[in-house]
Protein backbone atom coordinates (compact mmCIF):
# COMPACT_ATOMS: atom_id res chain seq x y z
CA UNK A 1 -80.73 59.08 -1.19
CA UNK A 2 -79.66 62.34 -2.87
CA UNK A 3 -76.40 63.01 -4.64
CA UNK A 4 -74.13 66.47 -4.60
CA UNK A 5 -71.74 67.25 -6.82
CA UNK A 6 -67.88 67.11 -5.69
CA UNK A 7 -65.02 68.26 -7.71
CA UNK A 8 -67.00 67.01 -11.33
CA UNK A 9 -67.64 63.27 -9.46
CA UNK A 10 -71.29 62.09 -7.80
CA UNK A 11 -70.89 62.50 -3.79
CA UNK A 12 -73.48 60.81 -2.27
CA UNK A 13 -75.57 62.29 1.00
CA UNK A 14 -77.97 60.51 3.57
CA UNK A 15 -80.11 63.60 3.92
CA UNK A 16 -79.07 65.60 0.88
CA UNK A 17 -76.83 67.73 3.63
CA UNK A 18 -73.45 67.34 2.59
CA UNK A 19 -71.23 64.22 0.66
CA UNK A 20 -70.08 61.31 3.04
CA UNK A 21 -67.30 62.18 5.24
CA UNK A 22 -67.02 58.94 7.19
CA UNK A 23 -66.81 54.67 6.43
CA UNK A 24 -70.52 54.83 8.65
CA UNK A 25 -72.17 57.36 6.32
CA UNK A 26 -70.31 54.76 3.50
CA UNK A 27 -72.08 51.90 4.88
CA UNK A 28 -75.58 53.09 5.66
CA UNK A 29 -75.01 54.58 1.65
CA UNK A 30 -74.15 50.93 0.51
CA UNK A 31 -77.24 49.67 2.37
CA UNK A 32 -79.59 51.72 1.00
CA UNK A 33 -78.13 50.96 -2.11
CA UNK A 34 -79.07 47.66 -1.76
CA UNK A 35 -82.20 48.44 -0.52
CA UNK A 36 -83.63 50.34 -3.39
CA UNK A 37 -81.56 48.37 -6.35
CA UNK A 38 -81.06 44.80 -5.50
CA UNK A 39 -82.64 42.56 -8.12
CA UNK A 40 -84.76 41.13 -5.35
CA UNK A 41 -87.17 43.42 -6.56
CA UNK A 42 -87.22 42.74 -9.90
CA UNK A 43 -90.93 41.40 -11.53
CA UNK A 44 -88.86 38.33 -12.63
CA UNK A 45 -87.74 37.07 -8.98
CA UNK A 46 -91.53 37.65 -7.73
CA UNK A 47 -92.77 35.48 -10.67
CA UNK A 48 -89.50 33.10 -10.24
CA UNK A 49 -89.87 32.36 -6.44
CA UNK A 50 -93.70 32.70 -6.42
CA UNK A 51 -94.47 29.86 -8.54
CA UNK A 52 -95.45 31.73 -11.52
CA UNK A 53 -93.05 30.69 -14.31
CA UNK A 54 -93.57 27.24 -16.06
CA UNK A 55 -90.69 24.97 -16.37
CA UNK A 56 -89.21 26.64 -20.07
CA UNK A 57 -89.22 30.00 -18.34
CA UNK A 58 -87.42 28.45 -15.18
CA UNK A 59 -85.11 26.38 -17.63
CA UNK A 60 -84.26 29.60 -19.93
CA UNK A 61 -83.30 31.64 -16.01
CA UNK A 62 -80.63 28.87 -14.89
CA UNK A 63 -79.40 29.21 -18.31
CA UNK A 64 -78.42 32.22 -18.70
CA UNK A 65 -77.80 32.91 -15.00
CA UNK A 66 -75.31 29.73 -15.66
CA UNK A 67 -72.87 32.10 -17.87
CA UNK A 68 -72.72 34.56 -15.06
CA UNK A 69 -71.91 32.09 -12.50
CA UNK A 70 -69.46 30.70 -14.31
CA UNK A 71 -68.05 33.99 -15.43
CA UNK A 72 -67.32 35.17 -11.37
CA UNK A 73 -63.85 32.97 -11.08
CA UNK A 74 -62.71 34.84 -13.94
CA UNK A 75 -63.71 38.15 -12.66
CA UNK A 76 -62.35 37.38 -9.03
CA UNK A 77 -59.19 36.15 -10.91
CA UNK A 78 -58.68 39.51 -12.68
CA UNK A 79 -59.50 41.12 -9.50
CA UNK A 80 -56.31 39.57 -7.69
CA UNK A 81 -54.71 41.07 -10.45
CA UNK A 82 -54.98 43.92 -9.71
CA UNK A 83 -52.99 44.03 -6.13
CA UNK A 84 -49.59 43.95 -5.64
CA UNK A 85 -50.78 42.94 -1.36
CA UNK A 86 -50.11 39.17 -0.97
CA UNK A 87 -52.56 39.14 1.91
CA UNK A 88 -55.30 40.73 -0.36
CA UNK A 89 -54.62 38.12 -2.83
CA UNK A 90 -54.75 35.67 -0.65
CA UNK A 91 -58.12 36.19 1.35
CA UNK A 92 -59.77 37.15 -2.30
CA UNK A 93 -58.46 33.42 -3.69
CA UNK A 94 -60.79 31.26 -2.05
CA UNK A 95 -63.34 33.28 -3.94
CA UNK A 96 -62.43 31.55 -7.03
CA UNK A 97 -62.20 28.17 -5.13
CA UNK A 98 -65.71 28.54 -3.78
CA UNK A 99 -66.85 28.68 -7.75
CA UNK A 100 -64.10 26.23 -9.79
CA UNK A 101 -64.42 23.63 -6.49
CA UNK A 102 -60.38 21.93 -5.95
CA UNK A 103 -59.50 18.28 -6.09
CA UNK A 104 -62.43 16.75 -4.27
CA UNK A 105 -64.30 19.13 -3.76
CA UNK A 106 -67.17 20.64 -5.30
CA UNK A 107 -67.67 24.27 -6.07
CA UNK A 108 -70.39 26.73 -6.95
CA UNK A 109 -70.59 25.99 -11.18
CA UNK A 110 -71.10 21.95 -10.85
CA UNK A 111 -73.67 23.29 -8.52
CA UNK A 112 -75.13 25.35 -10.77
CA UNK A 113 -74.98 22.38 -13.16
CA UNK A 114 -76.48 20.38 -10.82
CA UNK A 115 -79.64 22.55 -10.78
CA UNK A 116 -79.09 23.04 -14.71
CA UNK A 117 -79.15 19.01 -15.81
CA UNK A 118 -82.17 18.86 -12.78
CA UNK A 119 -84.16 20.89 -14.66
CA UNK A 120 -84.08 19.02 -17.74
CA UNK A 121 -80.76 21.15 -19.55
CA UNK A 122 -78.41 19.25 -21.45
CA UNK A 123 -74.48 19.49 -19.56
CA UNK A 124 -73.13 20.06 -22.90
CA UNK A 125 -75.35 22.41 -24.17
CA UNK A 126 -75.87 24.67 -20.67
CA UNK A 127 -71.89 24.77 -20.82
CA UNK A 128 -71.78 25.96 -24.18
CA UNK A 129 -73.68 28.98 -23.41
CA UNK A 130 -74.36 29.24 -26.93
CA UNK A 131 -78.35 29.53 -25.76
CA UNK A 132 -77.82 32.72 -23.82
CA UNK A 133 -79.05 36.34 -24.69
CA UNK A 134 -77.18 38.57 -26.20
CA UNK A 135 -77.97 40.87 -22.94
CA UNK A 136 -76.64 38.10 -20.67
CA UNK A 137 -73.58 38.10 -21.98
CA UNK A 138 -72.90 41.51 -22.68
CA UNK A 139 -73.81 42.30 -18.83
CA UNK A 140 -71.28 39.47 -17.53
CA UNK A 141 -68.59 40.66 -19.38
CA UNK A 142 -69.47 44.41 -18.63
CA UNK A 143 -68.68 43.70 -15.41
CA UNK A 144 -65.12 41.71 -15.72
CA UNK A 145 -64.18 44.84 -18.42
CA UNK A 146 -65.53 46.77 -15.01
CA UNK A 147 -63.06 45.41 -12.70
CA UNK A 148 -60.02 44.90 -15.55
CA UNK A 149 -60.83 48.96 -15.61
CA UNK A 150 -61.81 50.61 -12.79
CA UNK A 151 -59.62 51.33 -9.54
CA UNK A 152 -58.86 48.04 -7.33
CA UNK A 153 -60.64 49.87 -4.51
CA UNK A 154 -64.13 49.94 -7.25
CA UNK A 155 -62.94 46.18 -8.44
CA UNK A 156 -63.91 45.03 -4.73
CA UNK A 157 -66.67 47.58 -3.83
CA UNK A 158 -68.78 46.31 -6.86
CA UNK A 159 -69.14 42.49 -5.05
CA UNK A 160 -70.82 44.28 -2.38
CA UNK A 161 -73.70 43.08 -3.73
CA UNK A 162 -72.97 40.00 -1.84
CA UNK A 163 -74.27 41.90 1.49
CA UNK A 164 -77.78 41.02 0.08
CA UNK A 165 -77.23 38.02 -1.23
CA UNK A 166 -78.71 35.58 1.54
CA UNK A 167 -82.21 37.31 1.82
CA UNK A 168 -82.21 36.67 -2.17
CA UNK A 169 -80.94 32.94 -1.57
CA UNK A 170 -83.29 32.23 1.59
CA UNK A 171 -86.64 33.58 -0.31
CA UNK A 172 -85.75 31.49 -3.34
CA UNK A 173 -84.75 28.47 -1.49
CA UNK A 174 -88.29 28.55 0.11
CA UNK A 175 -90.19 29.95 -2.86
CA UNK A 176 -88.63 27.32 -5.35
CA UNK A 177 -89.00 24.43 -3.44
CA UNK A 178 -92.77 25.06 -2.60
CA UNK A 179 -93.87 26.56 -5.92
CA UNK A 180 -92.61 23.82 -8.48
CA UNK A 181 -92.57 20.17 -8.38
CA UNK A 182 -89.28 19.53 -11.07
CA UNK A 183 -87.22 21.68 -8.09
CA UNK A 184 -85.57 19.48 -4.78
CA UNK A 185 -83.80 20.50 -2.13
CA UNK A 186 -80.35 19.04 -4.05
CA UNK A 187 -80.93 20.53 -7.53
CA UNK A 188 -80.63 23.96 -5.11
CA UNK A 189 -77.44 23.17 -3.56
CA UNK A 190 -75.92 26.24 -4.54
CA UNK A 191 -78.16 28.61 -2.68
CA UNK A 192 -77.75 26.72 0.48
CA UNK A 193 -73.83 26.54 0.51
CA UNK A 194 -73.89 30.22 -0.24
CA UNK A 195 -76.07 31.10 2.54
CA UNK A 196 -72.72 30.60 4.71
CA UNK A 197 -69.89 31.93 1.37
CA UNK A 198 -71.40 35.64 0.54
CA UNK A 199 -71.49 36.88 4.30
CA UNK A 200 -68.24 35.50 4.64
CA UNK A 201 -67.18 37.76 1.32
CA UNK A 202 -69.47 40.77 1.96
CA UNK A 203 -67.37 41.58 4.94
CA UNK A 204 -63.97 41.26 4.26
CA UNK A 205 -65.30 43.63 1.18
CA UNK A 206 -67.14 45.73 3.45
CA UNK A 207 -64.12 46.57 5.61
CA UNK A 208 -61.50 47.00 2.87
CA UNK A 209 -64.20 49.86 1.51
CA UNK A 210 -64.14 51.55 4.69
CA UNK A 211 -60.73 51.75 5.35
CA UNK A 212 -59.75 52.41 1.90
CA UNK A 213 -62.52 54.49 1.07
CA UNK A 214 -60.83 57.54 2.63
CA UNK A 215 -62.26 60.73 0.57
CA UNK A 216 -66.01 61.85 -0.24
CA UNK A 217 -64.85 60.90 -4.04
CA UNK A 218 -63.47 57.61 -3.40
CA UNK A 219 -67.22 56.90 -0.96
CA UNK A 220 -69.10 58.02 -4.19
CA UNK A 221 -66.52 55.98 -6.10
CA UNK A 222 -67.75 52.59 -3.88
CA UNK A 223 -70.98 54.40 -4.31
CA UNK A 224 -70.80 54.10 -7.83
CA UNK A 225 -69.57 50.85 -8.20
CA UNK A 226 -72.36 48.85 -6.16
CA UNK A 227 -74.73 50.80 -8.29
CA UNK A 228 -72.96 49.45 -11.51
CA UNK A 229 -72.96 45.85 -9.76
CA UNK A 230 -77.10 46.28 -9.41
CA UNK A 231 -77.51 47.10 -12.77
CA UNK A 232 -75.45 44.37 -14.22
CA UNK A 233 -78.05 42.06 -12.40
CA UNK A 234 -80.94 44.10 -13.33
CA UNK A 235 -80.20 44.09 -17.23
CA UNK A 236 -79.63 40.10 -17.41
CA UNK A 237 -83.70 39.66 -15.26
CA UNK A 238 -84.46 42.52 -17.52
CA UNK A 239 -83.87 40.64 -20.87
CA UNK A 240 -85.14 37.41 -18.88
CA UNK A 241 -88.76 38.74 -18.92
CA UNK A 242 -88.53 40.54 -22.52
CA UNK A 243 -87.62 37.29 -24.18
CA UNK A 244 -89.65 34.33 -21.18
CA UNK A 245 -92.39 36.36 -20.24
CA UNK A 246 -93.20 38.75 -23.10
CA UNK A 247 -92.27 35.91 -25.45
CA UNK A 248 -89.58 38.12 -27.44
CA UNK A 249 -86.83 35.34 -27.57
CA UNK A 250 -83.85 36.84 -29.52
CA UNK A 251 -82.64 34.44 -32.88
CA UNK A 252 -80.32 31.92 -31.61
CA UNK A 253 -81.86 31.54 -28.37
CA UNK A 254 -83.06 29.21 -26.15
CA UNK A 255 -86.35 28.20 -26.82
CA UNK A 256 -88.27 26.31 -24.18
CA UNK A 257 -89.72 22.72 -25.43
CA UNK A 258 -93.36 22.64 -26.03
CA UNK A 259 -95.28 22.10 -22.43
C-alpha cells in the first residue's frame, strides 16, 4: 500500500495511483493494514503461541493484558459519549456489557481474571495493576485519549482490529492448550467467547465507516485510526519482549518467581 498527500493529509491508495475513492477501496485498504500490521505478526506472540515461553513469561503477558482488557469498557463508554444518535449508543452499549458483564452474567473481565488466577496470579494484585509495565499503561491510556479527542468516525474506526481478532484467538487457544501443561480450556474461556463477539462488533464498525467516510480525506482518517490501534497493540508486545524475553524488567514491574 502506498500513500499520497491530499490537502495536507495522508490519503491511502491500493496501487499508488489514486486516493481511496469508494467504500470498497477503503475496506480493501483496512484489510491490508490488518494483514501487515496486526499484532499476530509480533515475535512475542509467535513465542507465546508456539510454547516457547515459561510460566512466568506467560503470567507477565496475562497480567499486562489485563490492564488493556479492563480498560476497554471505559474506552467504549467514551465512544458512546461522542454520539447524539441514540441508535448508535444502543448498538455500542453491548460492548460494555460484554466486558463488564451484567447481573448474573459473567463478562470478559471476569473471564480474564479466571485466566490470570489459573496461571497462579493473585486477583487483588492483578486488579491493582501495580505490576504492569509503564509502556502498557501509556499505550492503553493513549487509546482512551484517542477516542475522546479524535472524531467520532475515527473513534469507531480504531476498533476495527476486531476484524482480525478471531484468527488470533483460534491460534492462541490451540497453541496454548497444546504447549503448556498449566493451561486448560476453562481458563481460556475469554478467547472462545470472543470468537463470536468480535465478528459481530467488527461488522457494525466496518459498515459504519463504509457509510460515513464519504471523502478521500475521511477514508484516510479511518485508515490512520486503524494504524494507531495496531500500534497500541504492537507496542505492548514490544514492552513485554524487552522486559521478559530480553530480561530488562523496569523498576516496580512484576518479576516472575524463579522456576
